[in-house]
Amino acid sequence: AQRGDKGRIGAAREIAAVPNDDALFTAVQTAVTQAFDEHPDLKPLANSLLMENTPEGLRIQIIDQDGLPMFPRGQAVMYQYTRRVLEIVANAIRRMPQQIEISGHTDATPFASSTTYGNWELSADRANAARRVLVEQGLTDTRVERVVGRAATEPLLPETPDAAGNRRLTIMLLRGTGPH
């Protein structure tokens, strides 16, 4: 083989050796699960975390539970335990190559006393609060492709639009993005 062929063969081996998105997503899921196992004080929050490998990418959702919300009602300043969950997620995803989308979701309960601040603003502010924590924990800001407020437009529990589980943060590692 000529020198150029060796370069092409070496490049082909490097490409073949790069793990695919699904393998990376499995590694993230394992790391997050292990981190919860190592912190028994966070055990009640394990039920707030949903991870799913989807065609779009790895979807990590942190959802409100009845009696265990991520944020005070109508506010975008998160509880300390929500921050700890985001720190665990940040530790698992910060070295992954994929671009990230962060979405905030609310339930369908409207604000009773405000016409200028509602679920759209609240969901966007909560998504941005999550972005700030992820970046503080070492996630490169350039990996954040989108920060989106979705209000109550994509309920997790559509049959009960006011349910706590509709209030959530979604962190999506976007399949096929970022240098591999």
Protein backbone atom coordinates (compact mmCIF):
# COMPACT_ATOMS: atom_id res chain seq x y z
CA ALA A 1 0.00 0.00 0.00
CA GLN A 2 1.15 3.49 -0.77
CA ARG A 3 1.51 6.19 1.85
CA GLY A 4 -1.88 7.73 0.88
CA ASP A 5 -3.56 4.34 1.28
CA LYS A 6 -2.19 3.99 4.83
CA GLY A 7 -3.63 7.40 5.67
CA ARG A 8 -7.03 6.39 4.33
CA ILE A 9 -6.89 3.04 6.14
CA GLY A 10 -5.93 4.77 9.41
CA ALA A 11 -8.76 7.28 8.99
CA ALA A 12 -11.23 4.47 8.29
CA ARG A 13 -10.14 2.67 11.47
CA GLU A 14 -10.57 5.86 13.50
CA ILE A 15 -14.07 6.34 12.14
CA ALA A 16 -14.97 2.70 12.82
CA ALA A 17 -13.64 3.01 16.38
CA VAL A 18 -15.88 5.98 17.21
CA PRO A 19 -18.88 4.82 19.26
CA ASN A 20 -22.27 5.57 17.79
CA ASP A 21 -24.87 7.75 19.46
CA ASP A 22 -26.75 4.79 20.94
CA ALA A 23 -23.64 3.54 22.74
CA LEU A 24 -22.99 7.04 24.10
CA PHE A 25 -26.61 7.39 25.17
CA THR A 26 -26.42 4.08 27.03
CA ALA A 27 -23.28 5.33 28.80
CA VAL A 28 -25.10 8.49 29.90
CA GLN A 29 -28.07 6.51 31.19
CA THR A 30 -25.76 4.20 33.14
CA ALA A 31 -23.78 7.11 34.62
CA VAL A 32 -26.93 8.91 35.78
CA THR A 33 -28.43 5.75 37.28
CA GLN A 34 -25.18 4.96 39.11
CA ALA A 35 -24.96 8.50 40.48
CA PHE A 36 -28.44 8.17 41.97
CA ASP A 37 -27.48 4.80 43.47
CA GLU A 38 -24.43 6.44 45.10
CA HIS A 39 -26.52 9.20 46.72
CA PRO A 40 -29.26 7.59 48.82
CA ASP A 41 -30.52 11.04 49.87
CA LEU A 42 -31.56 11.60 46.25
CA LYS A 43 -33.54 8.34 46.06
CA PRO A 44 -36.94 10.11 46.21
CA LEU A 45 -35.91 12.11 43.14
CA ALA A 46 -35.12 9.02 41.07
CA ASN A 47 -38.81 8.82 40.17
CA SER A 48 -38.58 12.39 38.84
CA LEU A 49 -36.10 11.34 36.18
CA LEU A 50 -37.14 9.80 32.86
CA MET A 51 -34.55 8.84 30.24
CA GLU A 52 -35.51 7.62 26.80
CA ASN A 53 -33.54 6.93 23.64
CA THR A 54 -35.68 8.40 20.84
CA PRO A 55 -35.19 8.90 17.09
CA GLU A 56 -34.38 12.56 17.85
CA GLY A 57 -31.81 11.70 20.53
CA LEU A 58 -31.50 10.90 24.23
CA ARG A 59 -34.33 12.62 26.09
CA ILE A 60 -33.67 13.25 29.77
CA GLN A 61 -36.70 14.62 31.59
CA ILE A 62 -36.84 15.89 35.14
CA ILE A 63 -40.50 15.98 36.09
CA ASP A 64 -42.48 17.33 39.01
CA GLN A 65 -44.02 14.78 41.32
CA ASP A 66 -46.99 15.55 43.56
CA GLY A 67 -45.40 17.03 46.67
CA LEU A 68 -41.94 17.20 45.07
CA PRO A 69 -41.80 20.07 42.56
CA MET A 70 -38.60 21.25 40.84
CA PHE A 71 -39.46 24.91 41.28
CA PRO A 72 -41.76 26.88 43.60
CA ARG A 73 -45.13 27.41 41.91
CA GLY A 74 -44.94 30.16 39.28
CA GLN A 75 -41.20 30.77 39.82
CA ALA A 76 -38.02 30.09 37.85
CA VAL A 77 -35.60 29.79 40.79
CA MET A 78 -35.14 26.06 41.33
CA TYR A 79 -34.96 24.17 44.58
CA GLN A 80 -31.52 22.99 45.69
CA TYR A 81 -32.43 19.33 45.08
CA THR A 82 -33.38 20.17 41.48
CA ARG A 83 -29.95 21.73 41.07
CA ARG A 84 -28.35 18.53 42.40
CA VAL A 85 -30.22 16.45 39.82
CA LEU A 86 -29.04 18.82 37.06
CA GLU A 87 -25.47 18.53 38.37
CA ILE A 88 -25.67 14.73 38.04
CA VAL A 89 -26.99 15.09 34.49
CA ALA A 90 -24.25 17.63 33.67
CA ASN A 91 -21.56 15.25 34.92
CA ALA A 92 -22.92 12.51 32.67
CA ILE A 93 -23.30 14.58 29.50
CA ARG A 94 -20.51 17.16 29.61
CA ARG A 95 -18.00 14.97 27.71
CA MET A 96 -20.51 13.73 25.15
CA PRO A 97 -20.20 15.21 21.65
CA GLN A 98 -23.86 15.91 20.88
CA GLN A 99 -25.50 19.31 20.73
CA ILE A 100 -28.17 19.87 23.37
CA GLU A 101 -31.67 21.27 23.43
CA ILE A 102 -33.21 22.32 26.74
CA SER A 103 -36.98 22.74 27.04
CA GLY A 104 -39.14 23.95 29.88
CA HIS A 105 -42.72 22.72 30.20
CA THR A 106 -45.59 23.80 32.44
CA ASP A 107 -48.97 22.39 33.25
CA ALA A 108 -52.10 24.00 31.78
CA THR A 109 -52.98 26.04 34.87
CA PRO A 110 -53.02 29.72 33.84
CA PHE A 111 -51.65 32.51 35.99
CA ALA A 112 -54.61 34.10 37.77
CA SER A 113 -53.23 37.59 38.33
CA SER A 114 -50.95 38.38 35.41
CA THR A 115 -51.44 39.24 31.80
CA THR A 116 -47.76 39.96 31.11
CA TYR A 117 -46.13 36.87 32.62
CA GLY A 118 -47.57 33.45 31.95
CA ASN A 119 -46.68 29.86 31.24
CA TRP A 120 -44.73 30.74 28.08
CA GLU A 121 -42.40 33.06 29.97
CA LEU A 122 -42.18 30.72 32.95
CA SER A 123 -41.27 27.68 30.85
CA ALA A 124 -38.59 29.64 28.96
CA ASP A 125 -37.16 31.06 32.20
CA ARG A 126 -36.99 27.59 33.76
CA ALA A 127 -35.24 26.17 30.67
CA ASN A 128 -32.71 29.00 30.89
CA ALA A 129 -32.20 28.35 34.61
CA ALA A 130 -31.38 24.72 33.74
CA ARG A 131 -28.98 25.87 31.00
CA ARG A 132 -27.12 28.08 33.50
CA VAL A 133 -26.65 25.16 35.91
CA LEU A 134 -25.40 22.85 33.14
CA VAL A 135 -22.88 25.47 31.98
CA GLU A 136 -21.76 26.18 35.57
CA GLN A 137 -21.07 22.44 35.85
CA GLY A 138 -18.72 22.42 32.87
CA LEU A 139 -20.98 21.96 29.84
CA THR A 140 -19.57 24.05 27.02
CA ASP A 141 -22.03 26.84 26.21
CA THR A 142 -21.50 26.31 22.48
CA ARG A 143 -23.05 22.84 22.77
CA VAL A 144 -26.41 24.34 23.64
CA GLU A 145 -28.26 24.51 20.34
CA ARG A 146 -31.65 25.66 21.64
CA VAL A 147 -33.31 26.78 24.85
CA VAL A 148 -37.07 26.63 24.43
CA GLY A 149 -40.14 27.40 26.49
CA ARG A 150 -43.00 25.12 25.49
CA ALA A 151 -45.59 26.17 28.12
CA ALA A 152 -48.33 23.49 28.18
CA THR A 153 -48.19 22.64 24.47
CA GLU A 154 -46.57 19.20 24.88
CA PRO A 155 -48.04 17.62 28.01
CA LEU A 156 -46.48 14.42 29.27
CA LEU A 157 -49.91 13.49 30.62
CA PRO A 158 -52.35 14.89 28.03
CA GLU A 159 -55.41 13.33 29.69
CA THR A 160 -54.73 15.43 32.83
CA PRO A 161 -53.32 18.77 31.61
CA ASP A 162 -53.04 20.23 35.14
CA ALA A 163 -51.06 17.24 36.51
CA ALA A 164 -47.73 17.83 38.22
CA GLY A 165 -45.96 15.51 35.77
CA ASN A 166 -46.56 17.96 32.94
CA ARG A 167 -44.24 20.44 34.67
CA ARG A 168 -40.78 19.36 33.62
CA LEU A 169 -37.41 20.14 32.12
CA THR A 170 -36.27 18.24 29.06
CA ILE A 171 -32.61 17.94 28.12
CA MET A 172 -32.17 16.35 24.69
CA LEU A 173 -28.83 15.12 23.37
CA LEU A 174 -29.47 15.54 19.65
CA ARG A 175 -28.66 12.46 17.59
CA GLY A 176 -26.06 12.93 14.84
CA THR A 177 -24.76 16.28 16.07
CA GLY A 178 -21.39 17.37 17.36
CA PRO A 179 -17.98 16.03 16.38
CA HIS A 180 -17.72 12.28 16.85
